[in-house]
All heavy atoms as atom14 arrays in JSON, in Angstrom:
{
  "sequence": "LLIDWDLLCVAPRGWDHAPMMTWAERWGGEVGVY",
  "atom14_mask": [
    [1, 1, 1, 1, 1, 1, 1, 1, 0, 0, 0, 0, 0, 0],
    [1, 1, 1, 1, 1, 1, 1, 1, 0, 0, 0, 0, 0, 0],
    [1, 1, 1, 1, 1, 1, 1, 1, 0, 0, 0, 0, 0, 0],
    [1, 1, 1, 1, 1, 1, 1, 1, 0, 0, 0, 0, 0, 0],
    [1, 1, 1, 1, 1, 1, 1, 1, 1, 1, 1, 1, 1, 1],
    [1, 1, 1, 1, 1, 1, 1, 1, 0, 0, 0, 0, 0, 0],
    [1, 1, 1, 1, 1, 1, 1, 1, 0, 0, 0, 0, 0, 0],
    [1, 1, 1, 1, 1, 1, 1, 1, 0, 0, 0, 0, 0, 0],
    [1, 1, 1, 1, 1, 1, 0, 0, 0, 0, 0, 0, 0, 0],
    [1, 1, 1, 1, 1, 1, 1, 0, 0, 0, 0, 0, 0, 0],
    [1, 1, 1, 1, 1, 0, 0, 0, 0, 0, 0, 0, 0, 0],
    [1, 1, 1, 1, 1, 1, 1, 0, 0, 0, 0, 0, 0, 0],
    [1, 1, 1, 1, 1, 1, 1, 1, 1, 1, 1, 0, 0, 0],
    [1, 1, 1, 1, 0, 0, 0, 0, 0, 0, 0, 0, 0, 0],
    [1, 1, 1, 1, 1, 1, 1, 1, 1, 1, 1, 1, 1, 1],
    [1, 1, 1, 1, 1, 1, 1, 1, 0, 0, 0, 0, 0, 0],
    [1, 1, 1, 1, 1, 1, 1, 1, 1, 1, 0, 0, 0, 0],
    [1, 1, 1, 1, 1, 0, 0, 0, 0, 0, 0, 0, 0, 0],
    [1, 1, 1, 1, 1, 1, 1, 0, 0, 0, 0, 0, 0, 0],
    [1, 1, 1, 1, 1, 1, 1, 1, 0, 0, 0, 0, 0, 0],
    [1, 1, 1, 1, 1, 1, 1, 1, 0, 0, 0, 0, 0, 0],
    [1, 1, 1, 1, 1, 1, 1, 0, 0, 0, 0, 0, 0, 0],
    [1, 1, 1, 1, 1, 1, 1, 1, 1, 1, 1, 1, 1, 1],
    [1, 1, 1, 1, 1, 0, 0, 0, 0, 0, 0, 0, 0, 0],
    [1, 1, 1, 1, 1, 1, 1, 1, 1, 0, 0, 0, 0, 0],
    [1, 1, 1, 1, 1, 1, 1, 1, 1, 1, 1, 0, 0, 0],
    [1, 1, 1, 1, 1, 1, 1, 1, 1, 1, 1, 1, 1, 1],
    [1, 1, 1, 1, 0, 0, 0, 0, 0, 0, 0, 0, 0, 0],
    [1, 1, 1, 1, 0, 0, 0, 0, 0, 0, 0, 0, 0, 0],
    [1, 1, 1, 1, 1, 1, 1, 1, 1, 0, 0, 0, 0, 0],
    [1, 1, 1, 1, 1, 1, 1, 0, 0, 0, 0, 0, 0, 0],
    [1, 1, 1, 1, 0, 0, 0, 0, 0, 0, 0, 0, 0, 0],
    [1, 1, 1, 1, 1, 1, 1, 0, 0, 0, 0, 0, 0, 0],
    [1, 1, 1, 1, 1, 1, 1, 1, 1, 1, 1, 1, 0, 0]
  ],
  "atom14_positions": [
    [[-65.87, 66.54, 130.03], [-66.3, 67.99, 129.96], [-67.0, 68.18, 128.65], [-66.3, 68.08, 127.56], [-65.41, 68.92, 130.23], [-65.78, 70.4, 130.27], [-66.68, 70.72, 131.5], [-64.52, 71.27, 130.33], [0.0, 0.0, 0.0], [0.0, 0.0, 0.0], [0.0, 0.0, 0.0], [0.0, 0.0, 0.0], [0.0, 0.0, 0.0], [0.0, 0.0, 0.0]],
    [[-68.29, 68.44, 128.52], [-68.87, 68.86, 127.27], [-68.54, 70.35, 126.86], [-68.7, 71.19, 127.71], [-70.51, 68.72, 127.42], [-71.04, 67.38, 127.36], [-72.56, 67.35, 127.67], [-70.86, 66.65, 125.95], [0.0, 0.0, 0.0], [0.0, 0.0, 0.0], [0.0, 0.0, 0.0], [0.0, 0.0, 0.0], [0.0, 0.0, 0.0], [0.0, 0.0, 0.0]],
    [[-68.03, 70.46, 125.74], [-67.63, 71.91, 125.19], [-68.42, 72.2, 124.04], [-69.16, 71.35, 123.53], [-66.13, 71.9, 124.96], [-65.76, 71.07, 123.74], [-65.3, 71.59, 126.12], [-64.31, 71.17, 123.25], [0.0, 0.0, 0.0], [0.0, 0.0, 0.0], [0.0, 0.0, 0.0], [0.0, 0.0, 0.0], [0.0, 0.0, 0.0], [0.0, 0.0, 0.0]],
    [[-68.25, 73.42, 123.52], [-68.85, 73.92, 122.28], [-70.41, 73.9, 122.39], [-71.04, 73.05, 121.78], [-68.39, 73.05, 121.18], [-68.73, 73.64, 119.68], [-69.23, 74.88, 119.78], [-68.46, 73.17, 118.65], [0.0, 0.0, 0.0], [0.0, 0.0, 0.0], [0.0, 0.0, 0.0], [0.0, 0.0, 0.0], [0.0, 0.0, 0.0], [0.0, 0.0, 0.0]],
    [[-70.93, 74.84, 123.07], [-72.33, 74.97, 123.47], [-73.08, 75.82, 122.49], [-74.2, 76.25, 122.79], [-72.52, 75.41, 124.83], [-72.12, 74.27, 125.91], [-70.92, 74.01, 126.29], [-73.03, 73.4, 126.56], [-70.96, 72.89, 127.21], [-72.21, 72.53, 127.33], [-74.41, 73.21, 126.55], [-72.85, 71.53, 128.2], [-75.09, 72.2, 127.35], [-74.21, 71.47, 128.15]],
    [[-72.55, 76.09, 121.32], [-73.26, 77.11, 120.46], [-74.47, 76.62, 119.83], [-75.24, 77.46, 119.26], [-72.19, 77.71, 119.41], [-71.74, 76.61, 118.5], [-71.39, 75.47, 118.98], [-71.58, 76.83, 117.3], [0.0, 0.0, 0.0], [0.0, 0.0, 0.0], [0.0, 0.0, 0.0], [0.0, 0.0, 0.0], [0.0, 0.0, 0.0], [0.0, 0.0, 0.0]],
    [[-74.73, 75.27, 119.88], [-75.96, 74.73, 119.29], [-76.93, 74.43, 120.39], [-77.95, 73.67, 120.15], [-75.66, 73.54, 118.48], [-74.77, 73.9, 117.18], [-74.59, 72.6, 116.31], [-75.41, 74.95, 116.37], [0.0, 0.0, 0.0], [0.0, 0.0, 0.0], [0.0, 0.0, 0.0], [0.0, 0.0, 0.0], [0.0, 0.0, 0.0], [0.0, 0.0, 0.0]],
    [[-76.78, 74.92, 121.62], [-77.69, 74.73, 122.69], [-79.22, 75.03, 122.27], [-79.37, 76.0, 121.5], [-77.35, 75.58, 123.83], [-78.29, 75.45, 125.14], [-77.47, 75.55, 126.41], [-79.41, 76.49, 125.17], [0.0, 0.0, 0.0], [0.0, 0.0, 0.0], [0.0, 0.0, 0.0], [0.0, 0.0, 0.0], [0.0, 0.0, 0.0], [0.0, 0.0, 0.0]],
    [[-80.12, 74.17, 122.56], [-81.52, 74.4, 122.16], [-82.4, 73.63, 123.08], [-81.89, 73.05, 124.11], [-81.61, 73.85, 120.76], [-81.31, 72.03, 120.59], [0.0, 0.0, 0.0], [0.0, 0.0, 0.0], [0.0, 0.0, 0.0], [0.0, 0.0, 0.0], [0.0, 0.0, 0.0], [0.0, 0.0, 0.0], [0.0, 0.0, 0.0], [0.0, 0.0, 0.0]],
    [[-83.71, 73.74, 122.87], [-84.61, 73.07, 123.66], [-85.33, 72.09, 122.73], [-86.01, 72.47, 121.76], [-85.68, 74.03, 124.35], [-86.7, 73.28, 125.13], [-84.81, 75.01, 125.24], [0.0, 0.0, 0.0], [0.0, 0.0, 0.0], [0.0, 0.0, 0.0], [0.0, 0.0, 0.0], [0.0, 0.0, 0.0], [0.0, 0.0, 0.0], [0.0, 0.0, 0.0]],
    [[-85.18, 70.8, 122.97], [-85.68, 69.7, 122.14], [-85.97, 68.46, 122.9], [-85.51, 68.35, 124.11], [-84.73, 69.48, 121.02], [0.0, 0.0, 0.0], [0.0, 0.0, 0.0], [0.0, 0.0, 0.0], [0.0, 0.0, 0.0], [0.0, 0.0, 0.0], [0.0, 0.0, 0.0], [0.0, 0.0, 0.0], [0.0, 0.0, 0.0], [0.0, 0.0, 0.0]],
    [[-86.47, 67.35, 122.32], [-86.48, 66.15, 122.99], [-85.08, 65.6, 123.31], [-84.07, 65.94, 122.53], [-87.21, 65.14, 121.94], [-87.98, 66.08, 121.07], [-87.19, 67.29, 120.98], [0.0, 0.0, 0.0], [0.0, 0.0, 0.0], [0.0, 0.0, 0.0], [0.0, 0.0, 0.0], [0.0, 0.0, 0.0], [0.0, 0.0, 0.0], [0.0, 0.0, 0.0]],
    [[-85.01, 64.71, 124.28], [-83.74, 64.21, 124.7], [-83.0, 63.39, 123.65], [-81.76, 63.45, 123.51], [-83.86, 63.41, 125.98], [-84.78, 62.21, 125.85], [-84.92, 61.47, 127.17], [-85.92, 60.52, 127.12], [-86.27, 59.68, 128.11], [-85.51, 59.73, 129.2], [-87.16, 58.78, 128.06], [0.0, 0.0, 0.0], [0.0, 0.0, 0.0], [0.0, 0.0, 0.0]],
    [[-83.87, 62.93, 122.65], [-83.16, 62.18, 121.57], [-82.37, 63.09, 120.62], [-81.49, 62.54, 119.93], [0.0, 0.0, 0.0], [0.0, 0.0, 0.0], [0.0, 0.0, 0.0], [0.0, 0.0, 0.0], [0.0, 0.0, 0.0], [0.0, 0.0, 0.0], [0.0, 0.0, 0.0], [0.0, 0.0, 0.0], [0.0, 0.0, 0.0], [0.0, 0.0, 0.0]],
    [[-82.62, 64.39, 120.71], [-81.8, 65.27, 119.85], [-80.27, 65.24, 120.31], [-79.38, 65.17, 119.35], [-82.19, 66.7, 120.17], [-81.62, 67.76, 119.37], [-80.47, 68.54, 119.63], [-81.94, 68.12, 117.97], [-80.2, 69.38, 118.53], [-81.06, 69.13, 117.5], [-82.96, 67.65, 117.11], [-81.17, 69.77, 116.34], [-83.06, 68.21, 115.84], [-82.16, 69.32, 115.52]],
    [[-79.95, 64.98, 121.58], [-78.53, 64.87, 121.93], [-78.11, 63.4, 121.8], [-76.81, 63.26, 121.8], [-78.45, 65.17, 123.41], [-78.23, 66.82, 123.59], [-77.9, 67.46, 122.57], [-78.35, 67.31, 124.66], [0.0, 0.0, 0.0], [0.0, 0.0, 0.0], [0.0, 0.0, 0.0], [0.0, 0.0, 0.0], [0.0, 0.0, 0.0], [0.0, 0.0, 0.0]],
    [[-78.95, 62.39, 121.72], [-78.45, 61.08, 121.48], [-78.13, 60.83, 119.96], [-77.34, 59.97, 119.6], [-79.57, 60.15, 121.93], [-79.71, 59.9, 123.31], [-79.32, 58.7, 123.95], [-80.07, 60.7, 124.39], [-79.47, 58.8, 125.28], [-79.93, 60.09, 125.53], [0.0, 0.0, 0.0], [0.0, 0.0, 0.0], [0.0, 0.0, 0.0], [0.0, 0.0, 0.0]],
    [[-78.91, 61.61, 119.05], [-78.8, 61.35, 117.69], [-77.34, 61.25, 117.1], [-77.12, 60.27, 116.27], [-79.63, 62.38, 116.92], [0.0, 0.0, 0.0], [0.0, 0.0, 0.0], [0.0, 0.0, 0.0], [0.0, 0.0, 0.0], [0.0, 0.0, 0.0], [0.0, 0.0, 0.0], [0.0, 0.0, 0.0], [0.0, 0.0, 0.0], [0.0, 0.0, 0.0]],
    [[-76.51, 62.24, 117.36], [-75.11, 62.17, 116.78], [-74.44, 60.74, 117.05], [-73.78, 60.21, 116.18], [-74.37, 63.27, 117.41], [-75.44, 64.28, 117.89], [-76.6, 63.41, 118.21], [0.0, 0.0, 0.0], [0.0, 0.0, 0.0], [0.0, 0.0, 0.0], [0.0, 0.0, 0.0], [0.0, 0.0, 0.0], [0.0, 0.0, 0.0], [0.0, 0.0, 0.0]],
    [[-74.55, 60.36, 118.24], [-73.77, 59.14, 118.65], [-74.53, 57.87, 118.13], [-73.92, 56.78, 118.1], [-73.62, 59.1, 120.07], [-72.74, 60.19, 120.63], [-71.09, 60.36, 119.75], [-70.38, 58.76, 120.24], [0.0, 0.0, 0.0], [0.0, 0.0, 0.0], [0.0, 0.0, 0.0], [0.0, 0.0, 0.0], [0.0, 0.0, 0.0], [0.0, 0.0, 0.0]],
    [[-75.77, 57.89, 117.84], [-76.48, 56.75, 117.27], [-75.95, 56.27, 116.01], [-76.14, 55.09, 115.63], [-78.04, 57.09, 117.2], [-78.73, 57.19, 118.65], [-80.41, 57.83, 118.5], [-81.3, 56.64, 117.59], [0.0, 0.0, 0.0], [0.0, 0.0, 0.0], [0.0, 0.0, 0.0], [0.0, 0.0, 0.0], [0.0, 0.0, 0.0], [0.0, 0.0, 0.0]],
    [[-75.39, 57.23, 115.24], [-74.88, 56.83, 113.89], [-73.25, 56.9, 113.85], [-72.62, 56.79, 112.82], [-75.44, 57.7, 112.72], [-75.09, 59.05, 113.0], [-76.89, 57.49, 112.71], [0.0, 0.0, 0.0], [0.0, 0.0, 0.0], [0.0, 0.0, 0.0], [0.0, 0.0, 0.0], [0.0, 0.0, 0.0], [0.0, 0.0, 0.0], [0.0, 0.0, 0.0]],
    [[-72.65, 57.09, 114.99], [-71.29, 57.51, 115.08], [-70.41, 56.29, 114.44], [-69.47, 56.53, 113.7], [-70.81, 57.91, 116.45], [-69.5, 58.49, 116.47], [-68.34, 57.85, 116.92], [-69.11, 59.72, 115.96], [-67.21, 58.77, 116.71], [-67.75, 59.84, 116.19], [-69.84, 60.78, 115.38], [-67.02, 61.01, 115.77], [-69.08, 61.95, 115.05], [-67.66, 62.06, 115.29]],
    [[-70.65, 55.16, 114.87], [-69.8, 53.98, 114.45], [-70.17, 53.61, 113.02], [-69.26, 53.52, 112.18], [-70.12, 52.76, 115.37], [0.0, 0.0, 0.0], [0.0, 0.0, 0.0], [0.0, 0.0, 0.0], [0.0, 0.0, 0.0], [0.0, 0.0, 0.0], [0.0, 0.0, 0.0], [0.0, 0.0, 0.0], [0.0, 0.0, 0.0], [0.0, 0.0, 0.0]],
    [[-71.42, 53.55, 112.69], [-71.88, 53.1, 111.41], [-71.49, 54.08, 110.3], [-70.98, 53.74, 109.24], [-73.34, 52.92, 111.34], [-73.93, 52.62, 109.96], [-75.37, 52.8, 109.84], [-75.99, 53.29, 110.81], [-75.95, 52.48, 108.82], [0.0, 0.0, 0.0], [0.0, 0.0, 0.0], [0.0, 0.0, 0.0], [0.0, 0.0, 0.0], [0.0, 0.0, 0.0]],
    [[-71.77, 55.39, 110.38], [-71.6, 56.34, 109.31], [-70.19, 57.01, 109.46], [-69.74, 57.46, 108.46], [-72.62, 57.4, 109.41], [-73.94, 56.99, 108.66], [-73.71, 56.74, 107.17], [-73.34, 55.39, 106.88], [-72.44, 54.97, 106.07], [-71.69, 55.95, 105.39], [-72.09, 53.75, 105.86], [0.0, 0.0, 0.0], [0.0, 0.0, 0.0], [0.0, 0.0, 0.0]],
    [[-69.73, 57.3, 110.67], [-68.56, 58.19, 110.85], [-67.29, 57.35, 111.16], [-66.2, 57.93, 111.38], [-68.81, 59.29, 111.92], [-69.94, 60.11, 111.58], [-71.22, 60.04, 111.88], [-69.94, 61.29, 110.64], [-71.97, 61.05, 111.35], [-71.22, 61.83, 110.56], [-68.91, 61.97, 109.94], [-71.51, 63.0, 109.83], [-69.18, 63.14, 109.2], [-70.51, 63.57, 109.1]],
    [[-67.45, 56.05, 111.21], [-66.23, 55.2, 111.46], [-65.8, 55.31, 112.89], [-64.63, 54.91, 113.15], [0.0, 0.0, 0.0], [0.0, 0.0, 0.0], [0.0, 0.0, 0.0], [0.0, 0.0, 0.0], [0.0, 0.0, 0.0], [0.0, 0.0, 0.0], [0.0, 0.0, 0.0], [0.0, 0.0, 0.0], [0.0, 0.0, 0.0], [0.0, 0.0, 0.0]],
    [[-66.7, 55.69, 113.78], [-66.21, 55.81, 115.25], [-66.14, 54.44, 115.83], [-66.62, 53.39, 115.26], [0.0, 0.0, 0.0], [0.0, 0.0, 0.0], [0.0, 0.0, 0.0], [0.0, 0.0, 0.0], [0.0, 0.0, 0.0], [0.0, 0.0, 0.0], [0.0, 0.0, 0.0], [0.0, 0.0, 0.0], [0.0, 0.0, 0.0], [0.0, 0.0, 0.0]],
    [[-65.72, 54.33, 117.03], [-65.61, 53.1, 117.76], [-66.88, 52.51, 118.03], [-67.9, 53.15, 118.54], [-64.83, 53.36, 119.12], [-64.49, 52.14, 119.89], [-63.83, 52.44, 121.18], [-63.35, 53.59, 121.33], [-63.69, 51.56, 122.0], [0.0, 0.0, 0.0], [0.0, 0.0, 0.0], [0.0, 0.0, 0.0], [0.0, 0.0, 0.0], [0.0, 0.0, 0.0]],
    [[-67.01, 51.19, 117.61], [-68.24, 50.43, 117.93], [-68.52, 50.34, 119.45], [-67.57, 50.1, 120.24], [-68.08, 49.05, 117.33], [-69.38, 48.2, 117.69], [-67.92, 49.12, 115.8], [0.0, 0.0, 0.0], [0.0, 0.0, 0.0], [0.0, 0.0, 0.0], [0.0, 0.0, 0.0], [0.0, 0.0, 0.0], [0.0, 0.0, 0.0], [0.0, 0.0, 0.0]],
    [[-69.69, 50.5, 119.87], [-70.1, 50.32, 121.24], [-70.2, 51.68, 122.07], [-70.66, 51.64, 123.24], [0.0, 0.0, 0.0], [0.0, 0.0, 0.0], [0.0, 0.0, 0.0], [0.0, 0.0, 0.0], [0.0, 0.0, 0.0], [0.0, 0.0, 0.0], [0.0, 0.0, 0.0], [0.0, 0.0, 0.0], [0.0, 0.0, 0.0], [0.0, 0.0, 0.0]],
    [[-69.68, 52.76, 121.59], [-69.55, 53.94, 122.37], [-70.99, 54.44, 122.6], [-71.31, 54.98, 123.77], [-68.73, 55.08, 121.77], [-67.29, 54.7, 121.77], [-69.19, 55.5, 120.34], [0.0, 0.0, 0.0], [0.0, 0.0, 0.0], [0.0, 0.0, 0.0], [0.0, 0.0, 0.0], [0.0, 0.0, 0.0], [0.0, 0.0, 0.0], [0.0, 0.0, 0.0]],
    [[-71.93, 54.36, 121.71], [-73.33, 54.82, 121.94], [-73.96, 53.84, 123.15], [-74.62, 54.42, 124.02], [-74.24, 54.77, 120.79], [-75.55, 55.31, 121.13], [-75.76, 56.55, 121.66], [-76.67, 54.44, 121.04], [-77.04, 57.0, 122.03], [-77.92, 54.87, 121.43], [-78.2, 56.15, 121.84], [-79.39, 56.58, 122.35], [0.0, 0.0, 0.0], [0.0, 0.0, 0.0]]
  ]
}
């Protein structure tokens, strides 16, 4: 379930992909989740 919709906007679909594209590399997240 996606929560916290206060940044809802209208943008290219890549806007929602962007956070996870750097999740492992920059934020130390699990590799492969993107």
